[in-house]
Amino acid sequence: MVLFYIYLRKYKRTTVITMKKRNTKILLVDDEPDILEIVGYNLSQEGYQIFTASNGKEAILKAKKEIPDLIIMDVMMPEMDGMEACEAIRKIPELNHVIITFLTARNEDYSQVAGFDAGADDYITKPLKPKLLVSKVKALLRRSKEQEENSETLNVGGIEINREEYKIIKDNVVIALPRKEFELFYLLASKPGKVFQRDEILDKVWGSEVIVGGRTIDVHIRKLREKIGDDFFKTIKGVGYKFEI
């Protein structure tokens, strides 16, 4: 927390909602006011529109109201923690496009896996360094924009994949997927039978500027098998994965 107090003494002020470059909305969720203030200040200086919440329940209500582009959420919070809030947000159709990244002091693999299971796209670890935080946020939003600009609809194996609406229809049933699960599924399904190497998957789905744990792909593939069907996804040991019809 020493770093935060240094910055707070220098920039002491309430979080200001400003608009300099674009109408990108970011929701910050943390039960520590100092973190909300310094993170909000640094991101608002980049032109992002900042909203805040102090717990999971408040985050859900604020997300429904503001429809943010990105949610940066702490894991350990009173009333409702980040994991529960993330799972609840992922069940809200109008928030399917939202990027969710956890803000956590824990860096163990199990907490990362639990976060991805809950529907998170990424994680940012404490202690925070403002410049690195801003760089990470820019990378997440830039990657998201690039993926949306290349949107189209695929029909493969009896499954309709609508990238513009982030919607999958299988056997006349709409299947809701978190953003990164959707992007991974879209990538694999775009070339049935092609073996995608792990490095290629990480680069095209998460981007080279986003660092994620080694088990990230495995967790997302497991979730896709549960939701889409185990037979569609084949593991090529030591190489990667492919989509089979």
C-alpha atoms as a PDB file:
ATOM      1  CA  MET A   1       0.000   0.000   0.000  1.00  0.00           C
ATOM      2  CA  VAL A   2       3.028   2.345   0.282  1.00  0.00           C
ATOM      3  CA  LEU A   3       2.929   2.981  -3.462  1.00  0.00           C
ATOM      4  CA  PHE A   4      -0.733   3.960  -3.303  1.00  0.00           C
ATOM      5  CA  TYR A   5      -0.223   6.443  -0.468  1.00  0.00           C
ATOM      6  CA  ILE A   6       2.629   8.112  -2.353  1.00  0.00           C
ATOM      7  CA  TYR A   7       0.382   8.579  -5.370  1.00  0.00           C
ATOM      8  CA  LEU A   8      -2.554   9.670  -3.216  1.00  0.00           C
ATOM      9  CA  ARG A   9      -0.544  12.398  -1.537  1.00  0.00           C
ATOM     10  CA  LYS A  10       0.531  13.658  -4.943  1.00  0.00           C
ATOM     11  CA  TYR A  11      -2.826  13.441  -6.692  1.00  0.00           C
ATOM     12  CA  LYS A  12      -5.295  13.638  -3.769  1.00  0.00           C
ATOM     13  CA  ARG A  13      -8.738  14.218  -5.219  1.00  0.00           C
ATOM     14  CA  THR A  14     -12.003  12.366  -5.771  1.00  0.00           C
ATOM     15  CA  THR A  15     -12.325  10.198  -8.864  1.00  0.00           C
ATOM     16  CA  VAL A  16     -13.444  12.447 -11.700  1.00  0.00           C
ATOM     17  CA  ILE A  17     -15.386  11.150 -14.674  1.00  0.00           C
ATOM     18  CA  THR A  18     -13.748  12.685 -17.732  1.00  0.00           C
ATOM     19  CA  MET A  19     -14.011  12.199 -21.455  1.00  0.00           C
ATOM     20  CA  LYS A  20     -10.904  12.979 -23.496  1.00  0.00           C
ATOM     21  CA  LYS A  21     -10.566  10.366 -26.200  1.00  0.00           C
ATOM     22  CA  ARG A  22     -13.459   7.949 -26.316  1.00  0.00           C
ATOM     23  CA  ASN A  23     -16.630   6.864 -24.628  1.00  0.00           C
ATOM     24  CA  THR A  24     -15.134   3.720 -23.104  1.00  0.00           C
ATOM     25  CA  LYS A  25     -16.686   2.864 -19.754  1.00  0.00           C
ATOM     26  CA  ILE A  26     -14.762   1.107 -16.989  1.00  0.00           C
ATOM     27  CA  LEU A  27     -16.326  -0.144 -13.752  1.00  0.00           C
ATOM     28  CA  LEU A  28     -13.908  -0.465 -10.814  1.00  0.00           C
ATOM     29  CA  VAL A  29     -14.992  -2.735  -7.983  1.00  0.00           C
ATOM     30  CA  ASP A  30     -13.023  -2.856  -4.716  1.00  0.00           C
ATOM     31  CA  ASP A  31     -13.802  -2.431  -1.030  1.00  0.00           C
ATOM     32  CA  GLU A  32     -10.684  -0.279  -0.506  1.00  0.00           C
ATOM     33  CA  PRO A  33     -11.470   3.388  -1.282  1.00  0.00           C
ATOM     34  CA  ASP A  34      -7.780   4.221  -1.799  1.00  0.00           C
ATOM     35  CA  ILE A  35      -7.489   1.681  -4.616  1.00  0.00           C
ATOM     36  CA  LEU A  36     -10.657   2.944  -6.267  1.00  0.00           C
ATOM     37  CA  GLU A  37      -9.339   6.480  -6.082  1.00  0.00           C
ATOM     38  CA  ILE A  38      -5.836   5.992  -7.458  1.00  0.00           C
ATOM     39  CA  VAL A  39      -6.834   3.451 -10.129  1.00  0.00           C
ATOM     40  CA  GLY A  40      -9.786   5.615 -11.136  1.00  0.00           C
ATOM     41  CA  TYR A  41      -7.591   8.699 -11.333  1.00  0.00           C
ATOM     42  CA  ASN A  42      -4.967   7.051 -13.560  1.00  0.00           C
ATOM     43  CA  LEU A  43      -7.553   5.564 -15.920  1.00  0.00           C
ATOM     44  CA  SER A  44      -9.608   8.758 -16.097  1.00  0.00           C
ATOM     45  CA  GLN A  45      -6.462  10.576 -17.219  1.00  0.00           C
ATOM     46  CA  GLU A  46      -6.457   8.297 -20.273  1.00  0.00           C
ATOM     47  CA  GLY A  47      -9.942   9.462 -21.198  1.00  0.00           C
ATOM     48  CA  TYR A  48     -11.926   6.529 -19.843  1.00  0.00           C
ATOM     49  CA  GLN A  49     -15.273   7.076 -18.146  1.00  0.00           C
ATOM     50  CA  ILE A  50     -14.970   5.641 -14.637  1.00  0.00           C
ATOM     51  CA  PHE A  51     -17.649   4.188 -12.369  1.00  0.00           C
ATOM     52  CA  THR A  52     -17.040   2.535  -9.012  1.00  0.00           C
ATOM     53  CA  ALA A  53     -18.601  -0.022  -6.681  1.00  0.00           C
ATOM     54  CA  SER A  54     -17.466  -1.294  -3.280  1.00  0.00           C
ATOM     55  CA  ASN A  55     -18.785  -4.876  -3.384  1.00  0.00           C
ATOM     56  CA  GLY A  56     -20.190  -7.524  -5.707  1.00  0.00           C
ATOM     57  CA  LYS A  57     -23.855  -6.676  -5.199  1.00  0.00           C
ATOM     58  CA  GLU A  58     -23.274  -3.025  -5.964  1.00  0.00           C
ATOM     59  CA  ALA A  59     -21.177  -4.011  -8.990  1.00  0.00           C
ATOM     60  CA  ILE A  60     -24.033  -6.004 -10.529  1.00  0.00           C
ATOM     61  CA  LEU A  61     -26.468  -3.099 -10.143  1.00  0.00           C
ATOM     62  CA  LYS A  62     -23.952  -0.589 -11.520  1.00  0.00           C
ATOM     63  CA  ALA A  63     -23.073  -2.868 -14.453  1.00  0.00           C
ATOM     64  CA  LYS A  64     -26.759  -3.237 -15.403  1.00  0.00           C
ATOM     65  CA  LYS A  65     -27.220   0.512 -15.300  1.00  0.00           C
ATOM     66  CA  GLU A  66     -24.042   1.685 -17.056  1.00  0.00           C
ATOM     67  CA  ILE A  67     -23.228  -1.294 -19.389  1.00  0.00           C
ATOM     68  CA  PRO A  68     -19.433  -0.897 -19.088  1.00  0.00           C
ATOM     69  CA  ASP A  69     -16.871  -2.082 -21.628  1.00  0.00           C
ATOM     70  CA  LEU A  70     -14.524  -3.353 -18.924  1.00  0.00           C
ATOM     71  CA  ILE A  71     -14.931  -4.371 -15.288  1.00  0.00           C
ATOM     72  CA  ILE A  72     -11.884  -4.474 -13.014  1.00  0.00           C
ATOM     73  CA  MET A  73     -12.991  -6.308  -9.888  1.00  0.00           C
ATOM     74  CA  ASP A  74     -11.361  -7.341  -6.630  1.00  0.00           C
ATOM     75  CA  VAL A  75     -11.863 -10.945  -5.533  1.00  0.00           C
ATOM     76  CA  MET A  76     -12.146 -10.625  -1.755  1.00  0.00           C
ATOM     77  CA  MET A  77     -14.982  -8.255  -0.844  1.00  0.00           C
ATOM     78  CA  PRO A  78     -17.787  -8.092   1.762  1.00  0.00           C
ATOM     79  CA  GLU A  79     -21.442  -8.965   1.039  1.00  0.00           C
ATOM     80  CA  MET A  80     -20.605 -10.626  -2.304  1.00  0.00           C
ATOM     81  CA  ASP A  81     -17.117 -11.484  -3.519  1.00  0.00           C
ATOM     82  CA  GLY A  82     -15.770 -11.033  -7.034  1.00  0.00           C
ATOM     83  CA  MET A  83     -16.259 -14.655  -8.078  1.00  0.00           C
ATOM     84  CA  GLU A  84     -19.980 -14.614  -7.244  1.00  0.00           C
ATOM     85  CA  ALA A  85     -20.459 -11.235  -8.897  1.00  0.00           C
ATOM     86  CA  CYS A  86     -18.671 -12.376 -12.061  1.00  0.00           C
ATOM     87  CA  GLU A  87     -20.854 -15.476 -12.353  1.00  0.00           C
ATOM     88  CA  ALA A  88     -23.982 -13.355 -11.889  1.00  0.00           C
ATOM     89  CA  ILE A  89     -22.890 -10.784 -14.482  1.00  0.00           C
ATOM     90  CA  ARG A  90     -22.158 -13.521 -17.031  1.00  0.00           C
ATOM     91  CA  LYS A  91     -25.802 -14.598 -16.812  1.00  0.00           C
ATOM     92  CA  ILE A  92     -27.049 -11.158 -17.910  1.00  0.00           C
ATOM     93  CA  PRO A  93     -27.451 -11.132 -21.742  1.00  0.00           C
ATOM     94  CA  GLU A  94     -26.836  -7.427 -22.240  1.00  0.00           C
ATOM     95  CA  LEU A  95     -23.475  -7.789 -20.475  1.00  0.00           C
ATOM     96  CA  ASN A  96     -22.150 -10.643 -22.634  1.00  0.00           C
ATOM     97  CA  HIS A  97     -19.656  -8.325 -24.358  1.00  0.00           C
ATOM     98  CA  VAL A  98     -18.150  -6.973 -21.133  1.00  0.00           C
ATOM     99  CA  ILE A  99     -14.503  -7.771 -20.399  1.00  0.00           C
ATOM    100  CA  ILE A 100     -14.010  -8.830 -16.770  1.00  0.00           C
ATOM    101  CA  THR A 101     -10.589  -8.895 -15.165  1.00  0.00           C
ATOM    102  CA  PHE A 102      -9.939  -9.693 -11.530  1.00  0.00           C
ATOM    103  CA  LEU A 103      -7.837  -7.499  -9.292  1.00  0.00           C
ATOM    104  CA  THR A 104      -6.269  -9.754  -6.698  1.00  0.00           C
ATOM    105  CA  ALA A 105      -3.293 -10.029  -4.391  1.00  0.00           C
ATOM    106  CA  ARG A 106      -3.221 -13.778  -4.908  1.00  0.00           C
ATOM    107  CA  ASN A 107      -1.104 -15.157  -7.730  1.00  0.00           C
ATOM    108  CA  GLU A 108      -1.569 -18.904  -7.272  1.00  0.00           C
ATOM    109  CA  ASP A 109      -2.748 -21.050 -10.176  1.00  0.00           C
ATOM    110  CA  TYR A 110      -5.837 -22.194  -8.288  1.00  0.00           C
ATOM    111  CA  SER A 111      -7.170 -18.657  -7.881  1.00  0.00           C
ATOM    112  CA  GLN A 112      -6.608 -17.953 -11.572  1.00  0.00           C
ATOM    113  CA  VAL A 113      -8.404 -21.153 -12.560  1.00  0.00           C
ATOM    114  CA  ALA A 114     -11.293 -20.300 -10.234  1.00  0.00           C
ATOM    115  CA  GLY A 115     -11.517 -16.869 -11.835  1.00  0.00           C
ATOM    116  CA  PHE A 116     -11.664 -18.274 -15.361  1.00  0.00           C
ATOM    117  CA  ASP A 117     -14.259 -20.803 -14.210  1.00  0.00           C
ATOM    118  CA  ALA A 118     -16.369 -17.907 -12.958  1.00  0.00           C
ATOM    119  CA  GLY A 119     -16.196 -16.294 -16.398  1.00  0.00           C
ATOM    120  CA  ALA A 120     -13.312 -13.822 -16.076  1.00  0.00           C
ATOM    121  CA  ASP A 121     -11.201 -12.879 -19.088  1.00  0.00           C
ATOM    122  CA  ASP A 122      -7.990 -12.024 -17.277  1.00  0.00           C
ATOM    123  CA  TYR A 123      -6.474 -11.006 -13.937  1.00  0.00           C
ATOM    124  CA  ILE A 124      -4.304  -8.191 -12.612  1.00  0.00           C
ATOM    125  CA  THR A 125      -2.234  -8.799  -9.494  1.00  0.00           C
ATOM    126  CA  LYS A 126      -1.509  -6.481  -6.594  1.00  0.00           C
ATOM    127  CA  PRO A 127       0.540  -4.501  -5.638  1.00  0.00           C
ATOM    128  CA  LEU A 128      -0.465  -2.306  -8.530  1.00  0.00           C
ATOM    129  CA  LYS A 129       1.850  -0.140 -10.591  1.00  0.00           C
ATOM    130  CA  PRO A 130      -0.299   2.536 -12.276  1.00  0.00           C
ATOM    131  CA  LYS A 131       1.634   2.661 -15.569  1.00  0.00           C
ATOM    132  CA  LEU A 132       1.529  -1.115 -15.971  1.00  0.00           C
ATOM    133  CA  LEU A 133      -2.161  -1.151 -15.061  1.00  0.00           C
ATOM    134  CA  VAL A 134      -2.966   1.440 -17.741  1.00  0.00           C
ATOM    135  CA  SER A 135      -0.910  -0.501 -20.292  1.00  0.00           C
ATOM    136  CA  LYS A 136      -2.766  -3.728 -19.469  1.00  0.00           C
ATOM    137  CA  VAL A 137      -6.162  -2.031 -19.726  1.00  0.00           C
ATOM    138  CA  LYS A 138      -5.257  -0.572 -23.125  1.00  0.00           C
ATOM    139  CA  ALA A 139      -4.141  -4.001 -24.348  1.00  0.00           C
ATOM    140  CA  LEU A 140      -7.395  -5.646 -23.217  1.00  0.00           C
ATOM    141  CA  LEU A 141      -9.579  -2.992 -24.837  1.00  0.00           C
ATOM    142  CA  ARG A 142      -7.536  -2.870 -28.031  1.00  0.00           C
ATOM    143  CA  ARG A 143      -7.742  -6.627 -28.453  1.00  0.00           C
ATOM    144  CA  SER A 144     -11.493  -6.527 -27.849  1.00  0.00           C
ATOM    145  CA  LYS A 145     -11.959  -3.817 -30.467  1.00  0.00           C
ATOM    146  CA  GLU A 146      -9.947  -5.750 -33.055  1.00  0.00           C
ATOM    147  CA  GLN A 147     -12.045  -8.857 -32.473  1.00  0.00           C
ATOM    148  CA  GLU A 148     -15.317  -6.930 -32.835  1.00  0.00           C
ATOM    149  CA  GLU A 149     -14.170  -5.285 -36.076  1.00  0.00           C
ATOM    150  CA  ASN A 150     -13.601  -8.725 -37.595  1.00  0.00           C
ATOM    151  CA  SER A 151     -17.072  -9.959 -36.688  1.00  0.00           C
ATOM    152  CA  GLU A 152     -19.112 -12.293 -38.867  1.00  0.00           C
ATOM    153  CA  THR A 153     -21.454 -15.262 -38.559  1.00  0.00           C
ATOM    154  CA  LEU A 154     -20.315 -18.867 -38.936  1.00  0.00           C
ATOM    155  CA  ASN A 155     -22.444 -21.957 -39.444  1.00  0.00           C
ATOM    156  CA  VAL A 156     -20.477 -25.109 -38.727  1.00  0.00           C
ATOM    157  CA  GLY A 157     -21.480 -28.545 -37.503  1.00  0.00           C
ATOM    158  CA  GLY A 158     -25.081 -27.434 -37.079  1.00  0.00           C
ATOM    159  CA  ILE A 159     -23.998 -24.587 -34.811  1.00  0.00           C
ATOM    160  CA  GLU A 160     -24.603 -20.923 -35.622  1.00  0.00           C
ATOM    161  CA  ILE A 161     -21.940 -18.590 -34.263  1.00  0.00           C
ATOM    162  CA  ASN A 162     -22.898 -14.908 -34.386  1.00  0.00           C
ATOM    163  CA  ARG A 163     -19.833 -12.898 -33.486  1.00  0.00           C
ATOM    164  CA  GLU A 164     -21.570  -9.536 -33.744  1.00  0.00           C
ATOM    165  CA  GLU A 165     -24.105 -10.502 -31.087  1.00  0.00           C
ATOM    166  CA  TYR A 166     -21.797 -12.892 -29.188  1.00  0.00           C
ATOM    167  CA  LYS A 167     -24.425 -15.576 -29.542  1.00  0.00           C
ATOM    168  CA  ILE A 168     -24.246 -19.312 -30.235  1.00  0.00           C
ATOM    169  CA  ILE A 169     -27.279 -21.363 -31.302  1.00  0.00           C
ATOM    170  CA  LYS A 170     -27.102 -25.141 -31.158  1.00  0.00           C
ATOM    171  CA  ASP A 171     -30.189 -27.336 -31.685  1.00  0.00           C
ATOM    172  CA  ASN A 172     -32.342 -24.171 -31.532  1.00  0.00           C
ATOM    173  CA  VAL A 173     -30.977 -23.391 -28.084  1.00  0.00           C
ATOM    174  CA  VAL A 174     -29.044 -20.192 -27.397  1.00  0.00           C
ATOM    175  CA  ILE A 175     -25.837 -20.862 -25.471  1.00  0.00           C
ATOM    176  CA  ALA A 176     -24.332 -17.952 -23.548  1.00  0.00           C
ATOM    177  CA  LEU A 177     -20.543 -17.873 -23.347  1.00  0.00           C
ATOM    178  CA  PRO A 178     -18.191 -15.428 -21.612  1.00  0.00           C
ATOM    179  CA  ARG A 179     -16.160 -13.333 -24.044  1.00  0.00           C
ATOM    180  CA  LYS A 180     -12.937 -15.363 -23.995  1.00  0.00           C
ATOM    181  CA  GLU A 181     -14.752 -18.696 -24.257  1.00  0.00           C
ATOM    182  CA  PHE A 182     -16.622 -17.295 -27.243  1.00  0.00           C
ATOM    183  CA  GLU A 183     -13.467 -16.020 -28.928  1.00  0.00           C
ATOM    184  CA  LEU A 184     -11.686 -19.338 -28.390  1.00  0.00           C
ATOM    185  CA  PHE A 185     -14.654 -21.285 -29.769  1.00  0.00           C
ATOM    186  CA  TYR A 186     -14.930 -18.937 -32.767  1.00  0.00           C
ATOM    187  CA  LEU A 187     -11.228 -19.353 -33.541  1.00  0.00           C
ATOM    188  CA  LEU A 188     -11.304 -23.151 -33.438  1.00  0.00           C
ATOM    189  CA  ALA A 189     -14.595 -23.405 -35.339  1.00  0.00           C
ATOM    190  CA  SER A 190     -13.410 -21.009 -38.044  1.00  0.00           C
ATOM    191  CA  LYS A 191     -11.158 -23.775 -39.420  1.00  0.00           C
ATOM    192  CA  PRO A 192     -12.550 -27.222 -38.546  1.00  0.00           C
ATOM    193  CA  GLY A 193      -9.836 -29.873 -38.491  1.00  0.00           C
ATOM    194  CA  LYS A 194      -6.982 -27.381 -38.185  1.00  0.00           C
ATOM    195  CA  VAL A 195      -4.727 -27.923 -35.184  1.00  0.00           C
ATOM    196  CA  PHE A 196      -4.200 -24.606 -33.409  1.00  0.00           C
ATOM    197  CA  GLN A 197      -0.998 -24.519 -31.414  1.00  0.00           C
ATOM    198  CA  ARG A 198      -1.185 -23.169 -27.875  1.00  0.00           C
ATOM    199  CA  ASP A 199       0.985 -20.130 -28.659  1.00  0.00           C
ATOM    200  CA  GLU A 200      -1.233 -19.255 -31.628  1.00  0.00           C
ATOM    201  CA  ILE A 201      -4.360 -19.556 -29.497  1.00  0.00           C
ATOM    202  CA  LEU A 202      -2.928 -17.328 -26.776  1.00  0.00           C
ATOM    203  CA  ASP A 203      -1.860 -14.723 -29.324  1.00  0.00           C
ATOM    204  CA  LYS A 204      -5.152 -14.620 -31.262  1.00  0.00           C
ATOM    205  CA  VAL A 205      -7.538 -14.849 -28.303  1.00  0.00           C
ATOM    206  CA  TRP A 206      -5.665 -13.088 -25.510  1.00  0.00           C
ATOM    207  CA  GLY A 207      -3.087 -11.110 -27.478  1.00  0.00           C
ATOM    208  CA  SER A 208       0.676 -11.029 -27.123  1.00  0.00           C
ATOM    209  CA  GLU A 209       0.511  -8.110 -24.674  1.00  0.00           C
ATOM    210  CA  VAL A 210      -1.733  -9.947 -22.214  1.00  0.00           C
ATOM    211  CA  ILE A 211      -0.027 -12.383 -19.856  1.00  0.00           C
ATOM    212  CA  VAL A 212      -2.160 -15.276 -18.611  1.00  0.00           C
ATOM    213  CA  GLY A 213      -1.377 -18.473 -16.728  1.00  0.00           C
ATOM    214  CA  GLY A 214      -0.323 -21.678 -18.443  1.00  0.00           C
ATOM    215  CA  ARG A 215      -3.606 -23.416 -17.675  1.00  0.00           C
ATOM    216  CA  THR A 216      -5.797 -20.690 -19.146  1.00  0.00           C
ATOM    217  CA  ILE A 217      -6.509 -22.472 -22.439  1.00  0.00           C
ATOM    218  CA  ASP A 218      -7.175 -25.810 -20.709  1.00  0.00           C
ATOM    219  CA  VAL A 219      -9.730 -24.217 -18.387  1.00  0.00           C
ATOM    220  CA  HIS A 220     -11.581 -22.572 -21.269  1.00  0.00           C
ATOM    221  CA  ILE A 221     -11.577 -25.754 -23.367  1.00  0.00           C
ATOM    222  CA  ARG A 222     -13.025 -27.675 -20.432  1.00  0.00           C
ATOM    223  CA  LYS A 223     -15.836 -25.135 -20.096  1.00  0.00           C
ATOM    224  CA  LEU A 224     -16.546 -25.302 -23.846  1.00  0.00           C
ATOM    225  CA  ARG A 225     -16.748 -29.093 -23.720  1.00  0.00           C
ATOM    226  CA  GLU A 226     -19.294 -28.818 -20.922  1.00  0.00           C
ATOM    227  CA  LYS A 227     -21.451 -26.304 -22.808  1.00  0.00           C
ATOM    228  CA  ILE A 228     -21.032 -27.260 -26.491  1.00  0.00           C
ATOM    229  CA  GLY A 229     -20.179 -30.955 -26.370  1.00  0.00           C
ATOM    230  CA  ASP A 230     -17.060 -32.971 -25.667  1.00  0.00           C
ATOM    231  CA  ASP A 231     -16.920 -34.548 -29.152  1.00  0.00           C
ATOM    232  CA  PHE A 232     -16.297 -31.217 -30.883  1.00  0.00           C
ATOM    233  CA  PHE A 233     -12.936 -30.571 -29.242  1.00  0.00           C
ATOM    234  CA  LYS A 234      -9.874 -32.745 -29.623  1.00  0.00           C
ATOM    235  CA  THR A 235      -6.654 -32.369 -27.684  1.00  0.00           C
ATOM    236  CA  ILE A 236      -3.433 -32.851 -29.613  1.00  0.00           C
ATOM    237  CA  LYS A 237      -0.957 -33.652 -26.844  1.00  0.00           C
ATOM    238  CA  GLY A 238       2.031 -31.378 -26.752  1.00  0.00           C
ATOM    239  CA  VAL A 239       0.647 -29.212 -29.544  1.00  0.00           C
ATOM    240  CA  GLY A 240      -2.792 -27.700 -28.976  1.00  0.00           C
ATOM    241  CA  TYR A 241      -6.451 -28.194 -29.910  1.00  0.00           C
ATOM    242  CA  LYS A 242      -8.724 -28.549 -32.900  1.00  0.00           C
ATOM    243  CA  PHE A 243     -12.458 -28.405 -33.621  1.00  0.00           C
ATOM    244  CA  GLU A 244     -13.970 -31.491 -35.236  1.00  0.00           C
ATOM    245  CA  ILE A 245     -17.356 -31.890 -36.909  1.00  0.00           C
END
